[in-house]
């Protein structure tokens, strides 16, 4: 329009002109003398905040649609304008926060890939797809190590690392390098509603609380566990998700989780480098655990056939309900006991008392020593009796011996840890080779004896018969031998 070229315009009638946007009225703000305006019959007049929006465009307006503008109308227009401004600022702030969040997760992923490249881990199965409620192992019917994953109506918000993937429109923006990588595994609408609380955010880590779920991305996010938590907030946390954090760095925090989050019942590990069964034994340090999710991506242990039975056996005192979304049945418990029960029994009965005290944790050491020394109601108990007469602080003694290997405090960097691990692996391999060689030699000797024994036995019987044929001489020779031995 060209009405802004009429500086002295005072009355303007625009009824039924098909004005559909307030942007079309922006030019009226230049008409400083405009006092009367009519817009009835236009689609824009049907908007809820129609009057307030017009007053924002034309500040000196006195009449609108033949109705006088009151002070209350101007006040409401001012309130609406302030709300709109605050909404824009909040939207801008949320946009900045989402971008920082995306960059933090991306940088955490890059650091993780760098560490994994240094450790020279074997490639894990599966491509690096976005982990979302649609393809998370705890949400969809999938195959993880040959086990069918079941869904639960309560799982979508609790099990996945986020409520939905945040995906920019551009394909290149939603990927990290050439591999697919989740930029933000949750729905951005959650930020807008204020349901997600950012606890710690930097260039390379992120810690956020979404209802009952605490999500940690990157090593630095573990610092959020040290912050002051209110009793109500900490009590509401039931799910903790770890991503791009080495499991060995998570282990020292597990005892604190046990105290700080009393209602914690579900742990989720994504890209945590869980590669050995003994690492899983560290989970016994938490207070309780109903569900456990270990995603195959970045956790080589899931490719092992015995990882699930080991968890069921080692964490038997937790009475786990689900592992990777699949229900734990009584048949699973029996099968796990069948696989590891004998080994645990041998470990508990054959391990010396002093070695038991070295292997067990401090709290269990005191109780075990108390029982072994007979300072309780009964005399000192043997390891067999300890195993048969109850549990040791919630865990069977045979299960407690499958513990997390303690780390040397002098080993700080991943490279040093990798060297130490390789040296230990070489020693173990050599020791096992010697055991196999010794067992093989013993088996060969046994087979040779089994073949020669019939003829040897016949010769022994024949010699005895010939020797005893002359009984008088045999008695005399026997008495002579007895006399010589004395």
Protein backbone atom coordinates (compact mmCIF):
# COMPACT_ATOMS: atom_id res chain seq x y z
CA UNK A 1 0.00 0.00 0.00
CA UNK A 2 0.94 3.63 -0.37
CA UNK A 3 -1.05 5.15 2.51
CA UNK A 4 2.25 5.93 4.26
CA UNK A 5 2.68 8.64 1.62
CA UNK A 6 -0.24 10.52 3.21
CA UNK A 7 1.38 12.02 6.30
CA UNK A 8 -1.75 13.92 7.33
CA UNK A 9 -4.11 10.94 7.04
CA UNK A 10 -6.52 10.83 10.02
CA UNK A 11 -9.38 8.50 9.02
CA UNK A 12 -8.94 5.26 7.09
CA UNK A 13 -11.74 2.82 6.22
CA UNK A 14 -10.54 -0.59 5.00
CA UNK A 15 -13.59 -2.77 5.60
CA UNK A 16 -13.91 -5.92 3.46
CA UNK A 17 -10.51 -5.65 1.75
CA UNK A 18 -9.36 -9.24 2.33
CA UNK A 19 -6.54 -8.23 4.68
CA UNK A 20 -5.22 -11.54 6.05
CA UNK A 21 -2.03 -10.54 7.88
CA UNK A 22 -1.02 -7.90 10.39
CA UNK A 23 2.16 -7.43 8.38
CA UNK A 24 0.05 -5.72 5.74
CA UNK A 25 -0.85 -3.05 8.32
CA UNK A 26 2.73 -2.36 9.39
CA UNK A 27 2.97 0.68 7.08
CA UNK A 28 0.21 2.42 9.07
CA UNK A 29 2.68 2.98 11.88
CA UNK A 30 4.18 5.83 9.82
CA UNK A 31 0.87 7.73 9.84
CA UNK A 32 1.31 9.69 13.05
CA UNK A 33 -2.01 11.53 12.76
CA UNK A 34 -4.18 8.49 12.04
CA UNK A 35 -6.91 8.40 14.71
CA UNK A 36 -9.66 6.25 13.20
CA UNK A 37 -9.47 2.91 11.43
CA UNK A 38 -12.01 0.30 10.34
CA UNK A 39 -11.02 -3.27 9.43
CA UNK A 40 -14.26 -5.18 9.91
CA UNK A 41 -15.04 -7.75 7.23
CA UNK A 42 -11.37 -8.74 6.84
CA UNK A 43 -10.01 -12.17 7.87
CA UNK A 44 -7.51 -10.46 10.13
CA UNK A 45 -10.37 -9.10 12.25
CA UNK A 46 -11.23 -12.65 13.33
CA UNK A 47 -7.93 -13.14 15.16
CA UNK A 48 -8.07 -13.46 18.96
CA UNK A 49 -5.62 -10.62 19.64
CA UNK A 50 -6.89 -8.52 16.76
CA UNK A 51 -7.43 -5.26 18.69
CA UNK A 52 -4.15 -5.49 20.63
CA UNK A 53 -2.18 -6.20 17.45
CA UNK A 54 -3.69 -3.19 15.65
CA UNK A 55 -2.89 -0.92 18.59
CA UNK A 56 0.71 -2.10 18.41
CA UNK A 57 0.87 -1.02 14.76
CA UNK A 58 -0.96 2.31 15.18
CA UNK A 59 -0.05 3.81 18.54
CA UNK A 60 -2.17 6.99 18.32
CA UNK A 61 -5.38 5.30 17.22
CA UNK A 62 -8.54 6.53 19.02
CA UNK A 63 -11.30 4.60 17.27
CA UNK A 64 -11.26 1.10 15.80
CA UNK A 65 -14.23 -0.26 13.86
CA UNK A 66 -16.35 2.68 15.04
CA UNK A 67 -15.55 1.85 18.69
CA UNK A 68 -13.61 4.10 21.04
CA UNK A 69 -10.23 2.86 22.26
CA UNK A 70 -10.12 2.83 26.08
CA UNK A 71 -7.16 2.93 28.43
CA UNK A 72 -7.86 -0.71 29.31
CA UNK A 73 -7.49 -1.63 25.65
CA UNK A 74 -4.13 0.14 25.50
CA UNK A 75 -3.02 -1.56 28.71
CA UNK A 76 -3.96 -4.99 27.37
CA UNK A 77 -2.14 -4.20 24.13
CA UNK A 78 0.97 -3.32 26.13
CA UNK A 79 0.73 -6.55 28.13
CA UNK A 80 0.31 -8.57 24.95
CA UNK A 81 3.28 -6.81 23.36
CA UNK A 82 5.48 -7.62 26.34
CA UNK A 83 4.39 -11.25 26.28
CA UNK A 84 5.18 -11.49 22.60
CA UNK A 85 8.61 -9.98 23.18
CA UNK A 86 9.31 -12.37 26.05
CA UNK A 87 8.15 -15.27 23.93
CA UNK A 88 10.54 -14.28 21.15
CA UNK A 89 13.42 -13.97 23.60
CA UNK A 90 12.61 -17.35 25.13
CA UNK A 91 12.35 -18.92 21.69
CA UNK A 92 15.71 -17.43 20.74
CA UNK A 93 17.25 -18.67 23.99
CA UNK A 94 15.89 -22.17 23.39
CA UNK A 95 17.22 -22.16 19.85
CA UNK A 96 20.69 -21.25 21.13
CA UNK A 97 20.46 -23.91 23.85
CA UNK A 98 19.41 -26.60 21.37
CA UNK A 99 22.33 -25.70 19.11
CA UNK A 100 24.77 -25.82 22.05
CA UNK A 101 23.28 -29.14 23.07
CA UNK A 102 23.67 -30.53 19.57
CA UNK A 103 27.30 -29.40 19.40
CA UNK A 104 28.06 -30.80 22.87
CA UNK A 105 26.72 -34.23 21.90
CA UNK A 106 28.55 -34.14 18.57
CA UNK A 107 31.85 -33.20 20.22
CA UNK A 108 31.36 -35.88 22.88
CA UNK A 109 30.85 -38.39 20.06
CA UNK A 110 34.01 -37.20 18.30
CA UNK A 111 36.06 -37.49 21.49
CA UNK A 112 34.63 -40.94 22.06
CA UNK A 113 35.60 -42.05 18.56
CA UNK A 114 39.10 -40.70 19.13
CA UNK A 115 39.50 -42.67 22.36
CA UNK A 116 38.17 -45.83 20.74
CA UNK A 117 40.57 -45.40 17.83
CA UNK A 118 43.43 -45.12 20.33
CA UNK A 119 42.39 -48.28 22.14
CA UNK A 120 42.05 -50.07 18.78
CA UNK A 121 38.81 -51.74 19.69
CA UNK A 122 37.44 -54.41 17.36
CA UNK A 123 34.57 -53.20 15.18
CA UNK A 124 31.15 -53.59 16.75
CA UNK A 125 28.16 -54.97 14.94
CA UNK A 126 25.54 -52.67 13.56
CA UNK A 127 25.70 -49.27 11.91
CA UNK A 128 25.65 -46.06 13.89
CA UNK A 129 22.02 -45.24 13.43
CA UNK A 130 20.08 -42.76 15.50
CA UNK A 131 19.10 -44.29 18.81
CA UNK A 132 15.47 -43.39 19.25
CA UNK A 133 12.37 -44.98 20.71
CA UNK A 134 11.76 -46.56 17.31
CA UNK A 135 15.05 -48.49 17.13
CA UNK A 136 16.26 -48.59 20.73
CA UNK A 137 16.76 -52.19 21.94
CA UNK A 138 14.39 -51.59 24.81
CA UNK A 139 11.55 -50.31 22.65
CA UNK A 140 11.23 -52.25 19.43
CA UNK A 141 11.08 -55.95 18.63
CA UNK A 142 14.71 -56.38 17.57
CA UNK A 143 17.33 -59.07 17.71
CA UNK A 144 20.17 -58.44 20.14
CA UNK A 145 22.58 -61.36 20.29
CA UNK A 146 19.83 -63.63 19.07
CA UNK A 147 17.35 -62.55 21.73
CA UNK A 148 14.03 -61.09 20.65
CA UNK A 149 13.35 -57.70 22.19
CA UNK A 150 9.87 -57.07 23.54
CA UNK A 151 8.09 -53.79 23.89
CA UNK A 152 6.33 -52.41 26.90
CA UNK A 153 3.71 -49.64 26.96
CA UNK A 154 5.64 -47.89 29.70
CA UNK A 155 9.00 -48.03 27.95
CA UNK A 156 8.99 -45.24 25.31
CA UNK A 157 9.83 -42.47 27.74
CA UNK A 158 11.92 -44.41 30.20
CA UNK A 159 14.16 -46.66 28.21
CA UNK A 160 15.42 -44.65 25.30
CA UNK A 161 18.15 -42.09 25.81
CA UNK A 162 15.60 -39.48 24.83
CA UNK A 163 11.98 -39.14 23.89
CA UNK A 164 12.67 -38.70 20.20
CA UNK A 165 15.41 -37.73 17.77
CA UNK A 166 16.01 -34.09 17.09
CA UNK A 167 16.78 -34.00 13.38
CA UNK A 168 17.54 -30.85 11.41
CA UNK A 169 15.98 -30.63 7.97
CA UNK A 170 19.27 -30.91 6.12
CA UNK A 171 20.76 -34.33 5.62
CA UNK A 172 24.33 -33.18 6.10
CA UNK A 173 23.47 -31.31 9.29
CA UNK A 174 21.97 -34.39 10.89
CA UNK A 175 25.05 -36.55 10.36
CA UNK A 176 28.46 -36.60 11.96
CA UNK A 177 31.08 -36.83 9.26
CA UNK A 178 29.94 -39.54 6.83
CA UNK A 179 28.51 -41.83 9.51
CA UNK A 180 25.06 -41.39 10.94
CA UNK A 181 25.17 -40.03 14.45
CA UNK A 182 22.31 -38.72 16.60
CA UNK A 183 22.62 -35.00 17.03
CA UNK A 184 19.98 -34.81 19.70
CA UNK A 185 18.19 -37.98 20.74
CA UNK A 186 15.02 -36.42 22.05
CA UNK A 187 12.09 -34.31 20.91
CA UNK A 188 12.89 -30.57 20.80
CA UNK A 189 9.37 -29.85 21.98
CA UNK A 190 10.42 -31.03 25.41
CA UNK A 191 12.69 -28.03 25.74
CA UNK A 192 9.92 -25.68 24.78
CA UNK A 193 7.64 -27.10 27.44
CA UNK A 194 10.38 -26.77 30.03
CA UNK A 195 10.25 -30.45 31.03
CA UNK A 196 13.99 -30.93 30.43
CA UNK A 197 16.41 -29.37 32.90
CA UNK A 198 19.98 -28.85 31.75
CA UNK A 199 22.29 -29.68 34.67
CA UNK A 200 25.67 -29.29 33.00
CA UNK A 201 26.53 -28.15 29.48
CA UNK A 202 29.92 -27.53 27.90
CA UNK A 203 31.57 -27.90 24.52
CA UNK A 204 32.06 -31.64 24.97
CA UNK A 205 29.58 -32.94 27.53
CA UNK A 206 25.93 -32.65 28.51
CA UNK A 207 23.91 -33.67 31.56
CA UNK A 208 20.16 -33.17 31.56
CA UNK A 209 17.19 -34.27 33.61
CA UNK A 210 13.96 -35.18 31.85
CA UNK A 211 11.32 -36.13 34.40
CA UNK A 212 12.52 -39.40 35.93
CA UNK A 213 15.38 -39.84 33.42
CA UNK A 214 18.92 -38.50 33.88
CA UNK A 215 20.93 -38.45 30.64
CA UNK A 216 24.72 -38.07 30.62
CA UNK A 217 26.73 -37.49 27.41
CA UNK A 218 30.53 -37.36 27.55
CA UNK A 219 32.99 -37.93 30.38
CA UNK A 220 32.56 -34.47 31.90
CA UNK A 221 28.85 -35.12 32.46
CA UNK A 222 29.72 -37.35 35.42
CA UNK A 223 30.38 -34.15 37.38
CA UNK A 224 26.62 -33.66 37.52
CA UNK A 225 26.45 -36.62 39.90
CA UNK A 226 28.50 -34.62 42.41
CA UNK A 227 26.16 -31.62 42.48
CA UNK A 228 23.79 -30.96 45.34
CA UNK A 229 20.58 -32.86 44.72
CA UNK A 230 17.36 -32.15 46.55
CA UNK A 231 15.77 -35.17 48.18
CA UNK A 232 12.63 -34.86 46.08
CA UNK A 233 14.50 -34.45 42.78
CA UNK A 234 16.93 -37.29 43.50
CA UNK A 235 14.09 -39.52 44.63
CA UNK A 236 12.26 -38.97 41.35
CA UNK A 237 15.17 -40.28 39.24
CA UNK A 238 14.56 -43.90 38.24
CA UNK A 239 16.49 -44.09 34.93
CA UNK A 240 20.09 -43.04 34.16
CA UNK A 241 21.50 -43.13 30.63
CA UNK A 242 25.26 -43.08 29.96
CA UNK A 243 26.54 -42.30 26.48
CA UNK A 244 30.05 -41.68 25.12
CA UNK A 245 31.48 -42.44 28.59
CA UNK A 246 33.97 -45.24 29.21
CA UNK A 247 32.46 -47.79 31.60
CA UNK A 248 35.63 -47.91 33.69
CA UNK A 249 35.11 -44.20 34.41
CA UNK A 250 31.49 -44.85 35.38
CA UNK A 251 32.31 -47.60 37.89
CA UNK A 252 33.64 -45.29 40.68
CA UNK A 253 30.33 -43.39 40.61
CA UNK A 254 28.14 -46.48 41.11
CA UNK A 255 28.38 -46.52 44.94
CA UNK A 256 27.34 -42.84 44.97
CA UNK A 257 24.39 -43.62 42.71
CA UNK A 258 23.31 -46.18 45.27
CA UNK A 259 23.09 -43.51 47.96
CA UNK A 260 22.07 -40.44 45.95
CA UNK A 261 19.25 -41.99 43.90
CA UNK A 262 17.41 -44.41 46.18
CA UNK A 263 14.71 -45.20 43.61
CA UNK A 264 17.07 -45.88 40.70
CA UNK A 265 15.83 -49.01 38.92
CA UNK A 266 17.05 -48.81 35.32
CA UNK A 267 20.52 -48.22 33.86
CA UNK A 268 21.14 -47.67 30.14
CA UNK A 269 24.59 -47.83 28.54
CA UNK A 270 25.21 -46.63 24.98
CA UNK A 271 28.75 -46.41 23.60
CA UNK A 272 30.36 -47.23 26.96
CA UNK A 273 33.05 -49.73 25.88
CA UNK A 274 31.76 -52.61 27.99
CA UNK A 275 33.94 -55.35 26.52
CA UNK A 276 34.49 -57.93 29.29
CA UNK A 277 32.19 -59.94 31.55
CA UNK A 278 33.98 -58.92 34.79
CA UNK A 279 33.03 -55.31 34.06
CA UNK A 280 29.37 -56.23 34.43
CA UNK A 281 30.03 -57.40 37.98
CA UNK A 282 30.54 -53.76 38.99
CA UNK A 283 26.78 -53.20 38.65
CA UNK A 284 26.33 -55.11 41.92
CA UNK A 285 27.32 -51.90 43.72
CA UNK A 286 24.00 -50.15 43.08
CA UNK A 287 21.12 -50.43 45.54
CA UNK A 288 18.57 -52.07 43.28
CA UNK A 289 18.06 -52.73 39.60
CA UNK A 290 14.91 -53.84 37.82
CA UNK A 291 16.00 -53.21 34.24
CA UNK A 292 19.32 -53.09 32.44
CA UNK A 293 19.91 -51.95 28.87
CA UNK A 294 23.30 -52.34 27.17
CA UNK A 295 23.13 -51.26 23.55
CA UNK A 296 25.21 -53.30 21.08
CA UNK A 297 26.62 -50.09 19.59
CA UNK A 298 29.95 -49.40 21.30
CA UNK A 299 29.63 -52.30 23.79
CA UNK A 300 31.41 -55.40 22.40
CA UNK A 301 30.33 -57.53 25.37
CA UNK A 302 26.84 -57.83 23.87
CA UNK A 303 28.29 -59.92 21.04
CA UNK A 304 29.33 -62.58 23.59
CA UNK A 305 26.90 -65.46 23.99
CA UNK A 306 27.33 -65.66 27.78
CA UNK A 307 26.87 -61.98 28.62
CA UNK A 308 23.17 -62.27 29.45
CA UNK A 309 23.47 -65.47 31.56
CA UNK A 310 26.39 -63.89 33.41
CA UNK A 311 24.35 -60.81 34.30
CA UNK A 312 21.44 -62.95 35.46
CA UNK A 313 23.76 -65.07 37.61
CA UNK A 314 25.94 -62.28 39.00
CA UNK A 315 23.05 -59.89 39.74
CA UNK A 316 20.73 -62.60 40.97
CA UNK A 317 20.09 -60.72 44.24
CA UNK A 318 18.56 -57.83 42.23
CA UNK A 319 15.91 -60.09 40.72
CA UNK A 320 16.21 -58.34 37.35
CA UNK A 321 12.94 -58.09 35.44
CA UNK A 322 14.24 -57.11 31.99
CA UNK A 323 17.55 -57.09 30.15
CA UNK A 324 17.64 -55.13 26.90
CA UNK A 325 13.87 -55.03 26.95
CA UNK A 326 13.54 -58.82 27.15
CA UNK A 327 11.89 -60.30 30.22
CA UNK A 328 14.01 -62.48 32.51
CA UNK A 329 12.20 -65.77 33.05
CA UNK A 330 12.76 -68.53 35.59
CA UNK A 331 14.19 -70.68 32.80
CA UNK A 332 16.80 -67.97 32.20
CA UNK A 333 17.73 -68.01 35.89
CA UNK A 334 18.04 -71.81 35.91
CA UNK A 335 20.14 -71.79 32.74
CA UNK A 336 22.47 -69.11 34.14
CA UNK A 337 22.89 -71.08 37.37
CA UNK A 338 23.66 -74.17 35.34
CA UNK A 339 26.39 -72.35 33.40
CA UNK A 340 28.10 -70.41 36.21
CA UNK A 341 26.93 -72.14 39.40
CA UNK A 342 29.58 -74.86 39.42
CA UNK A 343 32.35 -72.39 38.70
CA UNK A 344 31.12 -70.13 41.49
CA UNK A 345 30.92 -73.05 43.93
CA UNK A 346 34.49 -74.11 43.14
CA UNK A 347 35.70 -70.53 43.52
CA UNK A 348 34.00 -70.20 46.91
CA UNK A 349 35.16 -73.54 48.31
CA UNK A 350 38.70 -73.70 46.93
CA UNK A 351 39.79 -70.11 47.42
CA UNK A 352 41.89 -69.67 50.62
CA UNK A 353 40.49 -67.46 53.37
CA UNK A 354 43.21 -64.86 52.94
CA UNK A 355 42.49 -64.68 49.22
CA UNK A 356 38.77 -64.26 49.89
CA UNK A 357 39.52 -61.26 52.08
CA UNK A 358 41.59 -59.71 49.28
CA UNK A 359 38.96 -60.27 46.61
CA UNK A 360 35.90 -59.04 48.44
CA UNK A 361 35.02 -55.42 49.10
CA UNK A 362 35.71 -53.77 52.45
CA UNK A 363 32.21 -54.19 53.88
CA UNK A 364 32.13 -57.86 52.89
CA UNK A 365 35.65 -58.39 54.23
CA UNK A 366 34.57 -57.44 57.75
CA UNK A 367 31.55 -59.72 57.74
CA UNK A 368 33.44 -62.63 56.18
CA UNK A 369 36.30 -62.30 58.67
CA UNK A 370 33.79 -62.03 61.49
CA UNK A 371 32.17 -65.32 60.44
CA UNK A 372 35.41 -67.16 59.68
CA UNK A 373 36.92 -66.28 63.06
CA UNK A 374 33.83 -67.54 64.86
CA UNK A 375 32.91 -64.29 66.58
CA UNK A 376 29.21 -64.75 65.80
CA UNK A 377 26.63 -66.97 67.43
CA UNK A 378 28.25 -70.05 65.92
CA UNK A 379 31.79 -71.23 65.61
CA UNK A 380 33.88 -70.21 62.62
CA UNK A 381 32.21 -71.02 59.31
CA UNK A 382 33.90 -72.54 56.33
CA UNK A 383 33.37 -71.09 52.85
CA UNK A 384 31.12 -74.09 52.09
CA UNK A 385 28.91 -73.24 55.07
CA UNK A 386 28.89 -69.58 54.13
CA UNK A 387 27.60 -70.55 50.71
CA UNK A 388 24.96 -72.98 51.98
CA UNK A 389 23.65 -70.96 54.91
CA UNK A 390 22.72 -67.67 53.30
CA UNK A 391 23.94 -64.67 51.42
CA UNK A 392 26.71 -62.26 52.16
CA UNK A 393 25.26 -58.76 52.30
CA UNK A 394 22.63 -59.62 49.71
CA UNK A 395 24.94 -61.58 47.42
CA UNK A 396 25.92 -65.23 47.51
CA UNK A 397 29.61 -65.66 48.31
CA UNK A 398 30.15 -67.61 45.08
CA UNK A 399 28.62 -64.74 43.10
CA UNK A 400 30.53 -62.08 45.02
CA UNK A 401 33.79 -63.64 43.87
CA UNK A 402 32.91 -62.63 40.30
CA UNK A 403 33.87 -59.06 41.08
CA UNK A 404 34.98 -56.06 39.08
CA UNK A 405 38.78 -56.02 38.71
CA UNK A 406 40.28 -53.11 40.63
CA UNK A 407 42.35 -50.65 38.64
CA UNK A 408 45.80 -49.45 39.46
CA UNK A 409 45.55 -45.82 40.51
CA UNK A 410 48.81 -44.98 38.75
CA UNK A 411 47.26 -45.79 35.38
CA UNK A 412 45.59 -42.60 34.31
CA UNK A 413 45.55 -42.42 30.53
CA UNK A 414 43.74 -44.83 28.20
CA UNK A 415 47.02 -45.62 26.45
CA UNK A 416 48.65 -46.76 29.70
CA UNK A 417 45.56 -48.74 30.59
CA UNK A 418 45.66 -50.42 27.19
CA UNK A 419 49.34 -51.36 27.61
CA UNK A 420 48.69 -52.77 31.07
CA UNK A 421 45.73 -54.73 29.77
CA UNK A 422 47.75 -56.19 26.89
CA UNK A 423 50.56 -57.23 29.26
CA UNK A 424 48.08 -58.88 31.58
CA UNK A 425 46.44 -60.63 28.64
CA UNK A 426 49.82 -61.98 27.51
CA UNK A 427 50.56 -63.38 30.98
CA UNK A 428 47.13 -64.97 31.20
CA UNK A 429 47.50 -66.49 27.74
CA UNK A 430 50.89 -67.97 28.64
CA UNK A 431 49.54 -69.37 31.89
CA UNK A 432 46.58 -70.95 30.12
CA UNK A 433 48.85 -72.47 27.49
CA UNK A 434 50.94 -74.08 30.24
CA UNK A 435 47.82 -75.45 31.90
CA UNK A 436 46.56 -76.88 28.61
CA UNK A 437 49.98 -78.43 27.89
CA UNK A 438 50.13 -80.01 31.34
CA UNK A 439 46.59 -81.34 31.05
CA UNK A 440 47.35 -82.73 27.60
CA UNK A 441 50.46 -84.55 28.85
CA UNK A 442 48.53 -85.99 31.80
CA UNK A 443 45.82 -87.20 29.45
CA UNK A 444 48.38 -88.88 27.17
CA UNK A 445 49.95 -90.68 30.13
CA UNK A 446 46.53 -91.83 31.28
CA UNK A 447 45.70 -93.22 27.85
CA UNK A 448 49.04 -95.06 27.69
CA UNK A 449 48.47 -96.55 31.14
CA UNK A 450 44.97 -97.63 30.14
CA UNK A 451 46.39 -99.54 27.16
CA UNK A 452 49.27 -101.18 29.10
CA UNK A 453 47.36 -101.96 32.28
CA UNK A 454 45.85 -105.36 31.24
CA UNK A 455 49.27 -106.83 30.38
CA UNK A 456 50.89 -105.21 33.45
CA UNK A 457 48.19 -106.63 35.69
CA UNK A 458 48.64 -110.14 34.22
CA UNK A 459 52.40 -109.96 34.78
CA UNK A 460 51.92 -108.82 38.39
CA UNK A 461 49.54 -111.72 39.10
CA UNK A 462 51.89 -114.24 37.44
CA UNK A 463 54.90 -112.97 39.43
CA UNK A 464 52.95 -113.22 42.69
CA UNK A 465 51.81 -116.79 41.94
CA UNK A 466 55.33 -117.91 41.04
CA UNK A 467 56.75 -116.26 44.14
CA UNK A 468 54.23 -117.94 46.47
CA UNK A 469 54.44 -121.41 44.89
CA UNK A 470 56.95 -122.53 47.54
CA UNK A 471 55.14 -121.26 50.62
CA UNK A 472 57.95 -122.22 53.05
CA UNK A 473 60.53 -120.29 51.10
CA UNK A 474 58.07 -117.40 50.64
CA UNK A 475 57.48 -117.15 54.41
CA UNK A 476 61.19 -117.24 55.09
CA UNK A 477 61.88 -114.52 52.51
CA UNK A 478 59.10 -112.33 53.89
CA UNK A 479 60.43 -112.62 57.47
CA UNK A 480 63.89 -111.74 56.22
CA UNK A 481 62.55 -108.58 54.53
CA UNK A 482 60.76 -107.52 57.70
CA UNK A 483 63.90 -108.07 59.76
CA UNK A 484 65.98 -106.03 57.32
CA UNK A 485 63.53 -103.11 57.38
CA UNK A 486 63.71 -102.92 61.18
